[in-house]
Amino acid sequence: MSDKNKEKLIQQLKLSQPQIEEIITNHIPAQNAKSITHLVEWLRANNMPPMFQEMEHPVLIWTVEANGNSHHILWGGNDYLSIMIGSSLTPQYQEIIRAKNMQDIVLNNLQQCSRADGGHCDGCHLPPDVAGVTDVVLGREVKNLCCGMYITFDNPSAEAVECIKILLGL
């Protein structure tokens, strides 16, 4: 699909305020769609329905509220979704992650600062010349972390979806 056609499709979808299931069914490859559909069903069953909201650039976003944090599901017109789990990564939170043996999947999906790769971030809380923060997460020093402290799963596998459910339940 050309960039012009993607933008046109996104604009049409924004006007209709689509349910996330529409995107999953019509635009996500089958190998990921089943796991993501199960996640959305789980969210709704646990009183965390994804609420549609609009962004300024061509990305559709749904917000999920859980345990006082906002979490996001993003679709940018490609054949994938990103699921962003907001986290403070407190010592207690990290201990539960260890106890559930999820440290590798969490460490592999920590959101990196887009400035570290020369990108731009409108929502960054850091000074303009700073590209992310350095922190110790699950016993490992991690550099260039996004100041929002998100765990971001792009096109999550079935294993990642199970991890997301646990993280949202914490």
Protein backbone atom coordinates (compact mmCIF):
# COMPACT_ATOMS: atom_id res chain seq x y z
CA MET A 1 0.00 0.00 0.00
CA SER A 2 1.42 3.40 -0.94
CA ASP A 3 2.05 6.05 1.71
CA LYS A 4 -0.71 8.20 0.20
CA ASN A 5 -3.22 5.33 0.37
CA LYS A 6 -2.16 4.49 3.96
CA GLU A 7 -2.72 8.08 5.05
CA LYS A 8 -6.13 8.15 3.32
CA LEU A 9 -7.14 4.89 5.04
CA ILE A 10 -5.97 6.17 8.44
CA GLN A 11 -7.94 9.40 8.01
CA GLN A 12 -11.08 7.42 7.11
CA LEU A 13 -10.62 5.17 10.13
CA LYS A 14 -10.06 8.14 12.46
CA LEU A 15 -13.40 9.59 11.40
CA SER A 16 -15.19 6.31 12.13
CA GLN A 17 -13.45 5.76 15.52
CA PRO A 18 -12.89 2.07 14.81
CA GLN A 19 -12.93 -0.70 17.35
CA ILE A 20 -9.50 -2.27 17.73
CA GLU A 21 -10.93 -5.58 16.52
CA GLU A 22 -11.53 -3.99 13.07
CA ILE A 23 -7.83 -3.23 12.72
CA ILE A 24 -6.77 -6.66 13.98
CA THR A 25 -9.14 -8.50 11.65
CA ASN A 26 -8.46 -6.43 8.54
CA HIS A 27 -4.83 -5.36 8.81
CA ILE A 28 -2.76 -7.64 11.07
CA PRO A 29 -1.14 -10.82 9.71
CA ALA A 30 -2.94 -13.98 10.85
CA GLN A 31 0.03 -15.32 12.85
CA ASN A 32 -0.24 -12.32 15.24
CA ALA A 33 -3.94 -11.50 14.95
CA LYS A 34 -5.15 -14.45 17.03
CA SER A 35 -2.97 -13.58 20.06
CA ILE A 36 -3.83 -9.88 19.85
CA THR A 37 -7.55 -10.66 19.52
CA HIS A 38 -7.34 -12.82 22.65
CA LEU A 39 -5.61 -9.94 24.45
CA VAL A 40 -8.40 -7.51 23.51
CA GLU A 41 -11.01 -10.03 24.67
CA TRP A 42 -9.09 -10.40 27.96
CA LEU A 43 -8.91 -6.60 28.36
CA ARG A 44 -12.66 -6.25 27.89
CA ALA A 45 -13.41 -9.17 30.24
CA ASN A 46 -11.24 -7.53 32.91
CA ASN A 47 -12.91 -4.11 32.61
CA MET A 48 -10.02 -2.51 30.67
CA PRO A 49 -11.63 -1.84 27.28
CA PRO A 50 -9.34 -0.13 24.76
CA MET A 51 -10.69 3.41 24.30
CA PHE A 52 -10.07 5.01 20.91
CA GLN A 53 -8.41 8.41 20.76
CA GLU A 54 -6.94 10.43 17.90
CA MET A 55 -3.37 11.60 17.49
CA GLU A 56 -2.03 14.46 15.37
CA HIS A 57 0.08 12.35 13.03
CA PRO A 58 -1.09 9.27 11.12
CA VAL A 59 -1.25 6.81 14.01
CA LEU A 60 -4.38 5.38 15.57
CA ILE A 61 -4.15 4.87 19.30
CA TRP A 62 -6.30 3.17 21.90
CA THR A 63 -5.69 3.74 25.60
CA VAL A 64 -6.16 1.13 28.30
CA GLU A 65 -6.31 2.20 31.95
CA ALA A 66 -5.07 -0.31 34.52
CA ASN A 67 -3.80 0.12 38.07
CA GLY A 68 -3.56 3.91 37.75
CA ASN A 69 -1.41 3.79 34.59
CA SER A 70 -2.19 4.47 30.95
CA HIS A 71 -1.16 1.84 28.45
CA HIS A 72 -1.42 2.19 24.69
CA ILE A 73 -2.13 0.15 21.59
CA LEU A 74 -0.84 1.86 18.45
CA TRP A 75 -1.42 1.16 14.77
CA GLY A 76 0.33 3.30 12.18
CA GLY A 77 -1.12 1.97 8.96
CA ASN A 78 1.35 -0.88 8.62
CA ASP A 79 0.69 -4.56 9.24
CA TYR A 80 1.62 -4.47 12.92
CA LEU A 81 0.53 -3.14 16.29
CA SER A 82 2.66 -1.82 19.12
CA ILE A 83 1.45 -2.38 22.66
CA MET A 84 3.04 0.00 25.16
CA ILE A 85 2.82 -0.95 28.82
CA GLY A 86 3.48 2.00 31.14
CA SER A 87 5.61 1.05 34.10
CA SER A 88 7.45 2.67 36.96
CA LEU A 89 9.63 -0.47 37.28
CA THR A 90 9.70 -0.16 41.05
CA PRO A 91 11.70 -2.76 43.00
CA GLN A 92 8.43 -4.51 43.91
CA TYR A 93 7.34 -4.58 40.25
CA GLN A 94 10.72 -5.96 39.20
CA GLU A 95 10.54 -8.65 41.89
CA ILE A 96 7.21 -9.88 40.52
CA ILE A 97 8.69 -9.91 37.00
CA ARG A 98 11.56 -12.09 38.29
CA ALA A 99 9.18 -14.38 40.17
CA LYS A 100 7.18 -14.91 36.96
CA ASN A 101 10.44 -15.51 35.02
CA MET A 102 9.65 -12.68 32.58
CA GLN A 103 12.88 -10.69 32.95
CA ASP A 104 14.25 -11.56 29.48
CA ILE A 105 11.08 -10.62 27.63
CA VAL A 106 10.78 -7.37 29.62
CA LEU A 107 14.44 -6.42 29.12
CA ASN A 108 14.19 -7.17 25.39
CA ASN A 109 11.17 -4.87 25.04
CA LEU A 110 12.11 -1.82 27.10
CA GLN A 111 11.28 1.32 25.10
CA GLN A 112 14.41 3.10 23.92
CA CYS A 113 14.53 6.89 23.57
CA SER A 114 13.94 7.91 19.95
CA ARG A 115 16.51 10.71 20.38
CA ALA A 116 19.24 8.08 20.81
CA ASP A 117 18.83 7.27 17.10
CA GLY A 118 18.48 10.91 16.04
CA GLY A 119 14.68 10.87 16.22
CA HIS A 120 12.29 13.36 17.72
CA CYS A 121 9.93 12.93 20.67
CA ASP A 122 7.18 15.48 21.34
CA GLY A 123 6.37 14.06 24.77
CA CYS A 124 9.92 13.87 26.12
CA HIS A 125 10.45 15.20 29.64
CA LEU A 126 14.22 15.42 29.26
CA PRO A 127 16.29 18.44 28.19
CA PRO A 128 16.64 18.70 24.38
CA ASP A 129 20.27 17.55 24.40
CA VAL A 130 19.61 14.38 26.45
CA ALA A 131 18.83 11.07 24.74
CA GLY A 132 17.16 8.87 27.32
CA VAL A 133 18.01 7.87 30.84
CA THR A 134 20.28 5.20 32.27
CA ASP A 135 18.82 2.95 34.93
CA VAL A 136 19.35 -0.48 36.45
CA VAL A 137 16.43 -2.70 35.48
CA LEU A 138 16.19 -6.28 36.68
CA GLY A 139 19.87 -6.17 37.68
CA ARG A 140 21.10 -4.92 34.30
CA GLU A 141 22.24 -1.38 33.48
CA VAL A 142 20.16 -0.13 30.56
CA LYS A 143 21.07 3.05 28.67
CA ASN A 144 18.91 5.36 26.56
CA LEU A 145 15.61 4.36 28.15
CA CYS A 146 12.56 6.40 27.21
CA CYS A 147 11.75 8.80 30.04
CA GLY A 148 8.17 7.47 29.94
CA MET A 149 9.41 4.01 31.02
CA TYR A 150 7.39 1.90 28.63
CA ILE A 151 7.71 -1.78 27.87
CA THR A 152 6.82 -1.88 24.18
CA PHE A 153 5.81 -5.03 22.33
CA ASP A 154 5.78 -4.75 18.54
CA ASN A 155 3.62 -7.38 16.91
CA PRO A 156 3.46 -9.40 20.13
CA SER A 157 3.74 -13.16 20.00
CA ALA A 158 1.51 -15.42 22.09
CA GLU A 159 4.24 -15.49 24.77
CA ALA A 160 4.44 -11.69 24.78
CA VAL A 161 0.63 -11.42 25.08
CA GLU A 162 0.74 -13.60 28.20
CA CYS A 163 3.47 -11.32 29.61
CA ILE A 164 1.35 -8.24 28.79
CA LYS A 165 -1.62 -9.71 30.69
CA ILE A 166 0.57 -10.30 33.75
CA LEU A 167 2.09 -6.79 33.55
CA LEU A 168 -1.38 -5.21 33.29
CA GLY A 169 -2.53 -7.24 36.27
CA LEU A 170 0.28 -5.98 38.52
